[in-house]
Amino acid sequence: MKKAIITVVGKDTVGIIAKVCTYLAQENINILDISQTIVDGYFNMMMIVDVNSAAKPVGEIITELETVGKNIGVVIRLQMEEIFTKMHRI
């Protein structure tokens, strides 16, 4: 299993989760875990996903998720789990 971490941050609006999840489903990316909160009108979501069966290379998915984010007014980032873990280890 190739895990990746997706973060979504921005002003809360209707349909953020739906649009991100629709994109992931279209690309055959399975959501393993999801957490989301809204604080003072700002949306924050973190997802752990399995990209092992993804329809496209991870680099292309990263670019497309950034575009999805721009279209809905949020910032979406995807990092492979091993990179995310190393960056956040102190």
PDB file of N, CA and C in Angstrom:
ATOM      1  N   MET A   1       0.851  -1.181   0.000  1.00  0.00           N
ATOM      2  CA  MET A   1       0.000   0.000   0.000  1.00  0.00           C
ATOM      3  C   MET A   1       0.894   1.241   0.000  1.00  0.00           C
ATOM      4  N   LYS A   2       0.603   2.150  -0.910  1.00  0.00           N
ATOM      5  CA  LYS A   2       1.310   3.435  -0.969  1.00  0.00           C
ATOM      6  C   LYS A   2       0.390   4.511  -0.405  1.00  0.00           C
ATOM      7  N   LYS A   3       0.721   4.972   0.810  1.00  0.00           N
ATOM      8  CA  LYS A   3      -0.115   5.967   1.459  1.00  0.00           C
ATOM      9  C   LYS A   3       0.376   7.380   1.169  1.00  0.00           C
ATOM     10  N   ALA A   4      -0.592   8.295   1.129  1.00  0.00           N
ATOM     11  CA  ALA A   4      -0.288   9.709   0.959  1.00  0.00           C
ATOM     12  C   ALA A   4      -1.173  10.502   1.922  1.00  0.00           C
ATOM     13  N   ILE A   5      -0.712  11.699   2.247  1.00  0.00           N
ATOM     14  CA  ILE A   5      -1.443  12.606   3.119  1.00  0.00           C
ATOM     15  C   ILE A   5      -1.952  13.764   2.269  1.00  0.00           C
ATOM     16  N   ILE A   6      -3.243  14.041   2.360  1.00  0.00           N
ATOM     17  CA  ILE A   6      -3.829  15.186   1.660  1.00  0.00           C
ATOM     18  C   ILE A   6      -4.323  16.169   2.719  1.00  0.00           C
ATOM     19  N   THR A   7      -3.953  17.438   2.553  1.00  0.00           N
ATOM     20  CA  THR A   7      -4.480  18.481   3.427  1.00  0.00           C
ATOM     21  C   THR A   7      -5.264  19.472   2.575  1.00  0.00           C
ATOM     22  N   VAL A   8      -6.361  19.951   3.155  1.00  0.00           N
ATOM     23  CA  VAL A   8      -7.228  20.925   2.489  1.00  0.00           C
ATOM     24  C   VAL A   8      -7.501  22.039   3.499  1.00  0.00           C
ATOM     25  N   VAL A   9      -7.158  23.272   3.134  1.00  0.00           N
ATOM     26  CA  VAL A   9      -7.322  24.405   4.043  1.00  0.00           C
ATOM     27  C   VAL A   9      -7.893  25.596   3.275  1.00  0.00           C
ATOM     28  N   GLY A  10      -8.859  26.288   3.883  1.00  0.00           N
ATOM     29  CA  GLY A  10      -9.393  27.493   3.254  1.00  0.00           C
ATOM     30  C   GLY A  10     -10.692  27.923   3.895  1.00  0.00           C
ATOM     31  N   LYS A  11     -11.255  28.975   3.372  1.00  0.00           N
ATOM     32  CA  LYS A  11     -12.532  29.492   3.853  1.00  0.00           C
ATOM     33  C   LYS A  11     -13.610  28.433   3.593  1.00  0.00           C
ATOM     34  N   ASP A  12     -14.446  28.191   4.599  1.00  0.00           N
ATOM     35  CA  ASP A  12     -15.475  27.164   4.471  1.00  0.00           C
ATOM     36  C   ASP A  12     -16.520  27.562   3.433  1.00  0.00           C
ATOM     37  N   THR A  13     -16.922  26.593   2.639  1.00  0.00           N
ATOM     38  CA  THR A  13     -17.975  26.778   1.654  1.00  0.00           C
ATOM     39  C   THR A  13     -18.638  25.424   1.396  1.00  0.00           C
ATOM     40  N   VAL A  14     -19.792  25.441   0.827  1.00  0.00           N
ATOM     41  CA  VAL A  14     -20.536  24.208   0.534  1.00  0.00           C
ATOM     42  C   VAL A  14     -19.811  23.397  -0.539  1.00  0.00           C
ATOM     43  N   GLY A  15     -19.684  22.099  -0.325  1.00  0.00           N
ATOM     44  CA  GLY A  15     -19.213  21.195  -1.365  1.00  0.00           C
ATOM     45  C   GLY A  15     -17.729  20.864  -1.384  1.00  0.00           C
ATOM     46  N   ILE A  16     -16.950  21.359  -0.424  1.00  0.00           N
ATOM     47  CA  ILE A  16     -15.507  21.092  -0.450  1.00  0.00           C
ATOM     48  C   ILE A  16     -15.242  19.593  -0.381  1.00  0.00           C
ATOM     49  N   ILE A  17     -15.805  18.931   0.619  1.00  0.00           N
ATOM     50  CA  ILE A  17     -15.557  17.493   0.786  1.00  0.00           C
ATOM     51  C   ILE A  17     -16.061  16.732  -0.431  1.00  0.00           C
ATOM     52  N   ALA A  18     -17.222  17.078  -0.921  1.00  0.00           N
ATOM     53  CA  ALA A  18     -17.801  16.387  -2.083  1.00  0.00           C
ATOM     54  C   ALA A  18     -16.893  16.493  -3.303  1.00  0.00           C
ATOM     55  N   LYS A  19     -16.372  17.681  -3.565  1.00  0.00           N
ATOM     56  CA  LYS A  19     -15.535  17.859  -4.761  1.00  0.00           C
ATOM     57  C   LYS A  19     -14.213  17.133  -4.644  1.00  0.00           C
ATOM     58  N   VAL A  20     -13.596  17.178  -3.460  1.00  0.00           N
ATOM     59  CA  VAL A  20     -12.326  16.471  -3.269  1.00  0.00           C
ATOM     60  C   VAL A  20     -12.556  14.962  -3.364  1.00  0.00           C
ATOM     61  N   CYS A  21     -13.583  14.459  -2.691  1.00  0.00           N
ATOM     62  CA  CYS A  21     -13.856  13.016  -2.718  1.00  0.00           C
ATOM     63  C   CYS A  21     -14.261  12.527  -4.104  1.00  0.00           C
ATOM     64  N   THR A  22     -14.991  13.339  -4.852  1.00  0.00           N
ATOM     65  CA  THR A  22     -15.363  12.970  -6.218  1.00  0.00           C
ATOM     66  C   THR A  22     -14.120  12.818  -7.080  1.00  0.00           C
ATOM     67  N   TYR A  23     -13.182  13.772  -6.958  1.00  0.00           N
ATOM     68  CA  TYR A  23     -11.933  13.671  -7.725  1.00  0.00           C
ATOM     69  C   TYR A  23     -11.188  12.387  -7.349  1.00  0.00           C
ATOM     70  N   LEU A  24     -11.058  12.122  -6.052  1.00  0.00           N
ATOM     71  CA  LEU A  24     -10.325  10.929  -5.612  1.00  0.00           C
ATOM     72  C   LEU A  24     -10.973   9.657  -6.144  1.00  0.00           C
ATOM     73  N   ALA A  25     -12.291   9.584  -6.102  1.00  0.00           N
ATOM     74  CA  ALA A  25     -12.993   8.399  -6.612  1.00  0.00           C
ATOM     75  C   ALA A  25     -12.756   8.215  -8.106  1.00  0.00           C
ATOM     76  N   GLN A  26     -12.784   9.312  -8.856  1.00  0.00           N
ATOM     77  CA  GLN A  26     -12.553   9.236 -10.303  1.00  0.00           C
ATOM     78  C   GLN A  26     -11.151   8.726 -10.626  1.00  0.00           C
ATOM     79  N   GLU A  27     -10.207   8.999  -9.736  1.00  0.00           N
ATOM     80  CA  GLU A  27      -8.814   8.583  -9.967  1.00  0.00           C
ATOM     81  C   GLU A  27      -8.464   7.272  -9.260  1.00  0.00           C
ATOM     82  N   ASN A  28      -9.483   6.581  -8.734  1.00  0.00           N
ATOM     83  CA  ASN A  28      -9.313   5.289  -8.073  1.00  0.00           C
ATOM     84  C   ASN A  28      -8.384   5.375  -6.858  1.00  0.00           C
ATOM     85  N   ILE A  29      -8.541   6.451  -6.088  1.00  0.00           N
ATOM     86  CA  ILE A  29      -7.763   6.663  -4.868  1.00  0.00           C
ATOM     87  C   ILE A  29      -8.684   6.409  -3.685  1.00  0.00           C
ATOM     88  N   ASN A  30      -8.289   5.454  -2.850  1.00  0.00           N
ATOM     89  CA  ASN A  30      -9.122   5.055  -1.714  1.00  0.00           C
ATOM     90  C   ASN A  30      -8.802   5.902  -0.481  1.00  0.00           C
ATOM     91  N   ILE A  31      -9.837   6.404   0.183  1.00  0.00           N
ATOM     92  CA  ILE A  31      -9.670   7.166   1.418  1.00  0.00           C
ATOM     93  C   ILE A  31      -9.614   6.175   2.576  1.00  0.00           C
ATOM     94  N   LEU A  32      -8.503   6.215   3.322  1.00  0.00           N
ATOM     95  CA  LEU A  32      -8.324   5.315   4.458  1.00  0.00           C
ATOM     96  C   LEU A  32      -8.777   5.959   5.765  1.00  0.00           C
ATOM     97  N   ASP A  33      -8.563   7.253   5.886  1.00  0.00           N
ATOM     98  CA  ASP A  33      -8.957   7.982   7.093  1.00  0.00           C
ATOM     99  C   ASP A  33      -9.176   9.439   6.722  1.00  0.00           C
ATOM    100  N   ILE A  34     -10.086  10.084   7.429  1.00  0.00           N
ATOM    101  CA  ILE A  34     -10.398  11.482   7.129  1.00  0.00           C
ATOM    102  C   ILE A  34     -10.781  12.192   8.424  1.00  0.00           C
ATOM    103  N   SER A  35     -10.296  13.414   8.552  1.00  0.00           N
ATOM    104  CA  SER A  35     -10.630  14.248   9.694  1.00  0.00           C
ATOM    105  C   SER A  35     -10.830  15.661   9.183  1.00  0.00           C
ATOM    106  N   GLN A  36     -11.889  16.320   9.643  1.00  0.00           N
ATOM    107  CA  GLN A  36     -12.115  17.699   9.206  1.00  0.00           C
ATOM    108  C   GLN A  36     -12.692  18.514  10.339  1.00  0.00           C
ATOM    109  N   THR A  37     -12.313  19.777  10.368  1.00  0.00           N
ATOM    110  CA  THR A  37     -12.842  20.705  11.352  1.00  0.00           C
ATOM    111  C   THR A  37     -13.094  22.045  10.674  1.00  0.00           C
ATOM    112  N   ILE A  38     -13.966  22.815  11.305  1.00  0.00           N
ATOM    113  CA  ILE A  38     -14.203  24.187  10.872  1.00  0.00           C
ATOM    114  C   ILE A  38     -14.003  25.059  12.098  1.00  0.00           C
ATOM    115  N   VAL A  39     -13.069  25.993  12.003  1.00  0.00           N
ATOM    116  CA  VAL A  39     -12.771  26.890  13.109  1.00  0.00           C
ATOM    117  C   VAL A  39     -12.928  28.321  12.620  1.00  0.00           C
ATOM    118  N   ASP A  40     -13.860  29.044  13.227  1.00  0.00           N
ATOM    119  CA  ASP A  40     -14.092  30.454  12.896  1.00  0.00           C
ATOM    120  C   ASP A  40     -14.248  30.678  11.387  1.00  0.00           C
ATOM    121  N   GLY A  41     -14.965  29.749  10.736  1.00  0.00           N
ATOM    122  CA  GLY A  41     -15.245  29.899   9.313  1.00  0.00           C
ATOM    123  C   GLY A  41     -14.173  29.365   8.385  1.00  0.00           C
ATOM    124  N   TYR A  42     -13.109  28.782   8.950  1.00  0.00           N
ATOM    125  CA  TYR A  42     -12.044  28.211   8.121  1.00  0.00           C
ATOM    126  C   TYR A  42     -12.088  26.695   8.174  1.00  0.00           C
ATOM    127  N   PHE A  43     -12.051  26.091   6.998  1.00  0.00           N
ATOM    128  CA  PHE A  43     -12.153  24.648   6.819  1.00  0.00           C
ATOM    129  C   PHE A  43     -10.757  24.042   6.838  1.00  0.00           C
ATOM    130  N   ASN A  44     -10.607  22.934   7.562  1.00  0.00           N
ATOM    131  CA  ASN A  44      -9.333  22.219   7.616  1.00  0.00           C
ATOM    132  C   ASN A  44      -9.630  20.725   7.546  1.00  0.00           C
ATOM    133  N   MET A  45      -9.042  20.042   6.567  1.00  0.00           N
ATOM    134  CA  MET A  45      -9.262  18.609   6.420  1.00  0.00           C
ATOM    135  C   MET A  45      -7.933  17.915   6.166  1.00  0.00           C
ATOM    136  N   MET A  46      -7.788  16.754   6.798  1.00  0.00           N
ATOM    137  CA  MET A  46      -6.615  15.913   6.562  1.00  0.00           C
ATOM    138  C   MET A  46      -7.113  14.526   6.207  1.00  0.00           C
ATOM    139  N   MET A  47      -6.550  13.969   5.157  1.00  0.00           N
ATOM    140  CA  MET A  47      -6.952  12.643   4.703  1.00  0.00           C
ATOM    141  C   MET A  47      -5.711  11.776   4.545  1.00  0.00           C
ATOM    142  N   ILE A  48      -5.857  10.505   4.866  1.00  0.00           N
ATOM    143  CA  ILE A  48      -4.839   9.520   4.525  1.00  0.00           C
ATOM    144  C   ILE A  48      -5.459   8.676   3.419  1.00  0.00           C
ATOM    145  N   VAL A  49      -4.752   8.577   2.307  1.00  0.00           N
ATOM    146  CA  VAL A  49      -5.294   7.874   1.142  1.00  0.00           C
ATOM    147  C   VAL A  49      -4.305   6.830   0.643  1.00  0.00           C
ATOM    148  N   ASP A  50      -4.836   5.859  -0.084  1.00  0.00           N
ATOM    149  CA  ASP A  50      -4.021   4.833  -0.720  1.00  0.00           C
ATOM    150  C   ASP A  50      -3.949   5.153  -2.215  1.00  0.00           C
ATOM    151  N   VAL A  51      -2.754   5.485  -2.693  1.00  0.00           N
ATOM    152  CA  VAL A  51      -2.577   5.835  -4.104  1.00  0.00           C
ATOM    153  C   VAL A  51      -2.021   4.671  -4.924  1.00  0.00           C
ATOM    154  N   ASN A  52      -1.964   3.494  -4.332  1.00  0.00           N
ATOM    155  CA  ASN A  52      -1.385   2.336  -5.002  1.00  0.00           C
ATOM    156  C   ASN A  52      -2.086   2.007  -6.319  1.00  0.00           C
ATOM    157  N   SER A  53      -3.400   2.147  -6.371  1.00  0.00           N
ATOM    158  CA  SER A  53      -4.167   1.820  -7.576  1.00  0.00           C
ATOM    159  C   SER A  53      -4.590   3.059  -8.357  1.00  0.00           C
ATOM    160  N   ALA A  54      -3.953   4.184  -8.077  1.00  0.00           N
ATOM    161  CA  ALA A  54      -4.325   5.440  -8.732  1.00  0.00           C
ATOM    162  C   ALA A  54      -4.224   5.319 -10.245  1.00  0.00           C
ATOM    163  N   ALA A  55      -5.140   5.995 -10.914  1.00  0.00           N
ATOM    164  CA  ALA A  55      -5.212   5.941 -12.371  1.00  0.00           C
ATOM    165  C   ALA A  55      -4.093   6.732 -13.053  1.00  0.00           C
ATOM    166  N   LYS A  56      -3.444   7.636 -12.309  1.00  0.00           N
ATOM    167  CA  LYS A  56      -2.413   8.513 -12.879  1.00  0.00           C
ATOM    168  C   LYS A  56      -1.196   8.524 -11.970  1.00  0.00           C
ATOM    169  N   PRO A  57      -0.055   8.993 -12.476  1.00  0.00           N
ATOM    170  CA  PRO A  57       1.124   9.155 -11.621  1.00  0.00           C
ATOM    171  C   PRO A  57       0.862  10.203 -10.531  1.00  0.00           C
ATOM    172  N   VAL A  58       1.514  10.031  -9.378  1.00  0.00           N
ATOM    173  CA  VAL A  58       1.292  10.914  -8.236  1.00  0.00           C
ATOM    174  C   VAL A  58       1.567  12.377  -8.587  1.00  0.00           C
ATOM    175  N   GLY A  59       2.589  12.648  -9.363  1.00  0.00           N
ATOM    176  CA  GLY A  59       2.896  14.023  -9.752  1.00  0.00           C
ATOM    177  C   GLY A  59       1.738  14.704 -10.470  1.00  0.00           C
ATOM    178  N   GLU A  60       1.091  13.977 -11.317  1.00  0.00           N
ATOM    179  CA  GLU A  60      -0.066  14.506 -12.048  1.00  0.00           C
ATOM    180  C   GLU A  60      -1.255  14.728 -11.099  1.00  0.00           C
ATOM    181  N   ILE A  61      -1.437  13.816 -10.166  1.00  0.00           N
ATOM    182  CA  ILE A  61      -2.510  13.954  -9.179  1.00  0.00           C
ATOM    183  C   ILE A  61      -2.283  15.192  -8.317  1.00  0.00           C
ATOM    184  N   ILE A  62      -1.046  15.422  -7.909  1.00  0.00           N
ATOM    185  CA  ILE A  62      -0.717  16.606  -7.105  1.00  0.00           C
ATOM    186  C   ILE A  62      -1.129  17.871  -7.848  1.00  0.00           C
ATOM    187  N   THR A  63      -0.757  17.965  -9.111  1.00  0.00           N
ATOM    188  CA  THR A  63      -1.082  19.142  -9.923  1.00  0.00           C
ATOM    189  C   THR A  63      -2.592  19.306 -10.080  1.00  0.00           C
ATOM    190  N   GLU A  64      -3.289  18.213 -10.349  1.00  0.00           N
ATOM    191  CA  GLU A  64      -4.736  18.283 -10.536  1.00  0.00           C
ATOM    192  C   GLU A  64      -5.463  18.645  -9.236  1.00  0.00           C
ATOM    193  N   LEU A  65      -4.991  18.131  -8.097  1.00  0.00           N
ATOM    194  CA  LEU A  65      -5.602  18.493  -6.822  1.00  0.00           C
ATOM    195  C   LEU A  65      -5.401  19.983  -6.523  1.00  0.00           C
ATOM    196  N   GLU A  66      -4.236  20.513  -6.865  1.00  0.00           N
ATOM    197  CA  GLU A  66      -4.008  21.951  -6.691  1.00  0.00           C
ATOM    198  C   GLU A  66      -5.012  22.749  -7.518  1.00  0.00           C
ATOM    199  N   THR A  67      -5.298  22.286  -8.728  1.00  0.00           N
ATOM    200  CA  THR A  67      -6.276  22.953  -9.584  1.00  0.00           C
ATOM    201  C   THR A  67      -7.685  22.839  -9.010  1.00  0.00           C
ATOM    202  N   VAL A  68      -8.041  21.658  -8.504  1.00  0.00           N
ATOM    203  CA  VAL A  68      -9.346  21.486  -7.856  1.00  0.00           C
ATOM    204  C   VAL A  68      -9.467  22.491  -6.709  1.00  0.00           C
ATOM    205  N   GLY A  69      -8.413  22.617  -5.927  1.00  0.00           N
ATOM    206  CA  GLY A  69      -8.415  23.552  -4.806  1.00  0.00           C
ATOM    207  C   GLY A  69      -8.615  24.990  -5.242  1.00  0.00           C
ATOM    208  N   LYS A  70      -7.903  25.399  -6.276  1.00  0.00           N
ATOM    209  CA  LYS A  70      -8.048  26.771  -6.782  1.00  0.00           C
ATOM    210  C   LYS A  70      -9.488  27.026  -7.239  1.00  0.00           C
ATOM    211  N   ASN A  71     -10.077  26.033  -7.879  1.00  0.00           N
ATOM    212  CA  ASN A  71     -11.446  26.182  -8.386  1.00  0.00           C
ATOM    213  C   ASN A  71     -12.485  26.329  -7.277  1.00  0.00           C
ATOM    214  N   ILE A  72     -12.200  25.787  -6.086  1.00  0.00           N
ATOM    215  CA  ILE A  72     -13.157  25.875  -4.990  1.00  0.00           C
ATOM    216  C   ILE A  72     -12.681  26.802  -3.869  1.00  0.00           C
ATOM    217  N   GLY A  73     -11.559  27.468  -4.076  1.00  0.00           N
ATOM    218  CA  GLY A  73     -11.100  28.484  -3.129  1.00  0.00           C
ATOM    219  C   GLY A  73     -10.386  27.962  -1.894  1.00  0.00           C
ATOM    220  N   VAL A  74      -9.744  26.788  -2.014  1.00  0.00           N
ATOM    221  CA  VAL A  74      -8.963  26.236  -0.903  1.00  0.00           C
ATOM    222  C   VAL A  74      -7.582  25.830  -1.426  1.00  0.00           C
ATOM    223  N   VAL A  75      -6.695  25.528  -0.489  1.00  0.00           N
ATOM    224  CA  VAL A  75      -5.368  25.026  -0.853  1.00  0.00           C
ATOM    225  C   VAL A  75      -5.346  23.531  -0.559  1.00  0.00           C
ATOM    226  N   ILE A  76      -5.023  22.739  -1.581  1.00  0.00           N
ATOM    227  CA  ILE A  76      -4.947  21.281  -1.424  1.00  0.00           C
ATOM    228  C   ILE A  76      -3.515  20.848  -1.697  1.00  0.00           C
ATOM    229  N   ARG A  77      -2.963  20.085  -0.763  1.00  0.00           N
ATOM    230  CA  ARG A  77      -1.613  19.550  -0.898  1.00  0.00           C
ATOM    231  C   ARG A  77      -1.647  18.038  -0.708  1.00  0.00           C
ATOM    232  N   LEU A  78      -0.840  17.333  -1.493  1.00  0.00           N
ATOM    233  CA  LEU A  78      -0.676  15.897  -1.335  1.00  0.00           C
ATOM    234  C   LEU A  78       0.805  15.613  -1.162  1.00  0.00           C
ATOM    235  N   GLN A  79       1.133  14.828  -0.142  1.00  0.00           N
ATOM    236  CA  GLN A  79       2.511  14.381   0.072  1.00  0.00           C
ATOM    237  C   GLN A  79       2.489  12.883   0.332  1.00  0.00           C
ATOM    238  N   MET A  80       3.473  12.200  -0.184  1.00  0.00           N
ATOM    239  CA  MET A  80       3.591  10.781   0.115  1.00  0.00           C
ATOM    240  C   MET A  80       3.879  10.626   1.602  1.00  0.00           C
ATOM    241  N   GLU A  81       3.374   9.557   2.205  1.00  0.00           N
ATOM    242  CA  GLU A  81       3.472   9.366   3.651  1.00  0.00           C
ATOM    243  C   GLU A  81       4.906   9.427   4.151  1.00  0.00           C
ATOM    244  N   GLU A  82       5.835   8.811   3.452  1.00  0.00           N
ATOM    245  CA  GLU A  82       7.218   8.781   3.946  1.00  0.00           C
ATOM    246  C   GLU A  82       7.840  10.179   3.965  1.00  0.00           C
ATOM    247  N   ILE A  83       7.506  11.013   2.999  1.00  0.00           N
ATOM    248  CA  ILE A  83       8.011  12.391   2.972  1.00  0.00           C
ATOM    249  C   ILE A  83       7.350  13.195   4.093  1.00  0.00           C
ATOM    250  N   PHE A  84       6.037  13.054   4.239  1.00  0.00           N
ATOM    251  CA  PHE A  84       5.304  13.757   5.290  1.00  0.00           C
ATOM    252  C   PHE A  84       5.862  13.399   6.666  1.00  0.00           C
ATOM    253  N   THR A  85       6.102  12.118   6.900  1.00  0.00           N
ATOM    254  CA  THR A  85       6.610  11.640   8.185  1.00  0.00           C
ATOM    255  C   THR A  85       7.992  12.212   8.465  1.00  0.00           C
ATOM    256  N   LYS A  86       8.870  12.201   7.485  1.00  0.00           N
ATOM    257  CA  LYS A  86      10.228  12.716   7.674  1.00  0.00           C
ATOM    258  C   LYS A  86      10.233  14.215   7.912  1.00  0.00           C
ATOM    259  N   MET A  87       9.338  14.944   7.233  1.00  0.00           N
ATOM    260  CA  MET A  87       9.272  16.400   7.399  1.00  0.00           C
ATOM    261  C   MET A  87       8.759  16.791   8.780  1.00  0.00           C
ATOM    262  N   HIS A  88       7.912  15.954   9.379  1.00  0.00           N
ATOM    263  CA  HIS A  88       7.296  16.316  10.648  1.00  0.00           C
ATOM    264  C   HIS A  88       7.896  15.569  11.849  1.00  0.00           C
ATOM    265  N   ARG A  89       9.039  14.937  11.635  1.00  0.00           N
ATOM    266  CA  ARG A  89       9.724  14.264  12.729  1.00  0.00           C
ATOM    267  C   ARG A  89      10.694  15.250  13.366  1.00  0.00           C
ATOM    268  N   ILE A  90      10.640  15.341  14.671  1.00  0.00           N
ATOM    269  CA  ILE A  90      11.526  16.270  15.382  1.00  0.00           C
ATOM    270  C   ILE A  90      12.433  15.493  16.301  1.00  0.00           C
TER     271      ILE A  90
END
